[in-house]
Amino acid sequence: MVDVKGISKHGWRQLAAWTGFGTLGCVAVSAAINFMVFMRMGGESLHLSMVSATIIPVILAVPLFSYLTLKLRELAVANHKLEDAATTDRLTMCLNRTAFAAMVEARMGRDGRAALFPRVLSRH
């Protein structure tokens, strides 16, 4: 079951964009293929094929893209929770040694002052 209770406005916009553009892409590919296959038949056959090339992808793609987008959102939330668990000490709720050392090295390297400070954090 997909949980949709905690989705923000940005999340809903992203869901609508993925679903809309994904469905439009499926309709475009389906219409192009049907047009190339049925263009010689012309008339009613071409018309019916273009109708089915529009309706069938909409029926299939809208729920599929909605479901996949929601699952990707759930995966992103789970990855964020895992990253927090991997970088935070549960007792003190501070960064653990590895995360703190990476943050300090990144900030010192970004400012160009890495040579001014001794490498205290790499000692055991």
Protein backbone atom coordinates (compact mmCIF):
# COMPACT_ATOMS: atom_id res chain seq x y z
CA MET A 1 0.00 0.00 0.00
CA VAL A 2 1.33 3.40 -0.95
CA ASP A 3 1.14 6.12 1.72
CA VAL A 4 0.01 9.47 0.26
CA LYS A 5 -0.72 11.28 3.53
CA GLY A 6 2.61 13.03 4.00
CA ILE A 7 3.18 14.30 0.47
CA SER A 8 4.00 18.00 0.19
CA LYS A 9 2.81 20.35 -2.56
CA HIS A 10 6.17 19.91 -4.29
CA GLY A 11 5.73 16.13 -4.10
CA TRP A 12 2.28 16.35 -5.67
CA ARG A 13 3.65 18.59 -8.45
CA GLN A 14 6.45 16.11 -9.08
CA LEU A 15 3.94 13.25 -9.16
CA ALA A 16 1.75 15.14 -11.64
CA ALA A 17 4.74 16.04 -13.83
CA TRP A 18 6.11 12.48 -14.00
CA THR A 19 2.65 11.06 -14.62
CA GLY A 20 1.72 13.68 -17.22
CA PHE A 21 4.95 13.66 -19.19
CA GLY A 22 5.30 9.89 -18.96
CA THR A 23 1.77 9.38 -20.24
CA LEU A 24 2.28 11.91 -23.04
CA GLY A 25 5.44 10.10 -24.07
CA CYS A 26 3.65 6.77 -24.14
CA VAL A 27 0.79 8.24 -26.19
CA ALA A 28 3.24 9.83 -28.65
CA VAL A 29 5.15 6.58 -29.20
CA SER A 30 1.94 4.58 -29.51
CA ALA A 31 0.41 7.06 -31.97
CA ALA A 32 3.57 7.15 -34.09
CA ILE A 33 3.76 3.36 -34.29
CA ASN A 34 0.05 3.00 -35.06
CA PHE A 35 0.23 5.72 -37.70
CA MET A 36 3.13 4.01 -39.45
CA VAL A 37 1.39 0.62 -39.35
CA PHE A 38 -2.12 1.73 -40.36
CA MET A 39 -1.42 4.72 -42.65
CA ARG A 40 -1.83 2.62 -45.81
CA MET A 41 -5.28 1.46 -44.71
CA GLY A 42 -6.50 5.02 -44.26
CA GLY A 43 -10.01 6.10 -43.37
CA GLU A 44 -11.81 4.37 -40.55
CA SER A 45 -8.99 1.91 -39.73
CA LEU A 46 -6.48 4.74 -39.25
CA HIS A 47 -8.97 6.70 -37.17
CA LEU A 48 -9.74 3.75 -34.87
CA SER A 49 -6.07 2.89 -34.50
CA MET A 50 -5.28 6.47 -33.45
CA VAL A 51 -8.12 6.43 -30.91
CA SER A 52 -6.85 3.18 -29.42
CA ALA A 53 -3.28 4.54 -29.55
CA THR A 54 -4.46 7.34 -27.27
CA ILE A 55 -6.83 5.55 -24.92
CA ILE A 56 -4.82 2.42 -24.12
CA PRO A 57 -1.61 4.22 -23.06
CA VAL A 58 -3.61 6.61 -20.89
CA ILE A 59 -5.40 3.73 -19.16
CA LEU A 60 -2.11 1.91 -18.55
CA ALA A 61 0.40 4.73 -18.06
CA VAL A 62 -1.41 6.98 -15.57
CA PRO A 63 -1.64 4.40 -12.77
CA LEU A 64 1.79 2.98 -13.61
CA PHE A 65 3.62 6.32 -13.52
CA SER A 66 1.71 7.41 -10.40
CA TYR A 67 2.64 4.20 -8.59
CA LEU A 68 6.29 4.32 -9.69
CA THR A 69 6.65 7.98 -8.67
CA LEU A 70 5.19 7.27 -5.24
CA LYS A 71 7.51 4.28 -4.81
CA LEU A 72 10.52 6.40 -5.81
CA ARG A 73 9.46 8.96 -3.21
CA GLU A 74 9.24 6.24 -0.55
CA LEU A 75 12.69 5.02 -1.58
CA ALA A 76 14.13 8.53 -1.27
CA VAL A 77 12.64 8.90 2.22
CA ALA A 78 14.06 5.51 3.26
CA ASN A 79 17.50 6.44 1.87
CA HIS A 80 17.42 9.71 3.81
CA LYS A 81 16.58 7.84 7.02
CA LEU A 82 19.39 5.35 6.34
CA GLU A 83 21.87 8.17 5.73
CA ASP A 84 20.84 9.82 9.01
CA ALA A 85 21.24 6.51 10.85
CA ALA A 86 24.66 5.91 9.28
CA THR A 87 26.02 9.36 10.13
CA THR A 88 24.47 10.05 13.54
CA ASP A 89 25.36 8.65 16.94
CA ARG A 90 22.07 7.43 18.47
CA LEU A 91 23.10 8.21 22.05
CA THR A 92 24.28 11.80 21.58
CA MET A 93 22.45 12.59 18.30
CA CYS A 94 25.72 14.16 17.06
CA LEU A 95 27.63 13.27 13.91
CA ASN A 96 29.65 10.09 14.30
CA ARG A 97 33.41 10.09 13.77
CA THR A 98 33.32 9.23 10.06
CA ALA A 99 30.69 11.81 9.19
CA PHE A 100 32.35 14.50 11.31
CA ALA A 101 35.75 13.84 9.75
CA ALA A 102 34.28 13.96 6.24
CA MET A 103 32.51 17.24 7.00
CA VAL A 104 35.65 18.85 8.47
CA GLU A 105 37.85 17.71 5.56
CA ALA A 106 35.31 18.94 3.03
CA ARG A 107 35.09 22.36 4.65
CA MET A 108 38.83 22.72 5.10
CA GLY A 109 39.47 21.63 1.52
CA ARG A 110 36.84 24.00 0.18
CA ASP A 111 38.38 27.02 1.96
CA GLY A 112 41.93 26.06 1.02
CA ARG A 113 43.10 26.01 4.66
CA ALA A 114 43.73 22.28 4.95
CA ALA A 115 47.49 22.73 5.37
CA LEU A 116 47.04 25.01 8.41
CA PHE A 117 45.41 22.38 10.63
CA PRO A 118 46.97 19.11 11.80
CA ARG A 119 45.14 15.91 10.90
CA VAL A 120 43.93 15.09 14.40
CA LEU A 121 40.83 13.26 13.24
CA SER A 122 42.69 10.50 11.40
CA ARG A 123 44.36 9.17 14.56
CA HIS A 124 42.89 6.16 16.38
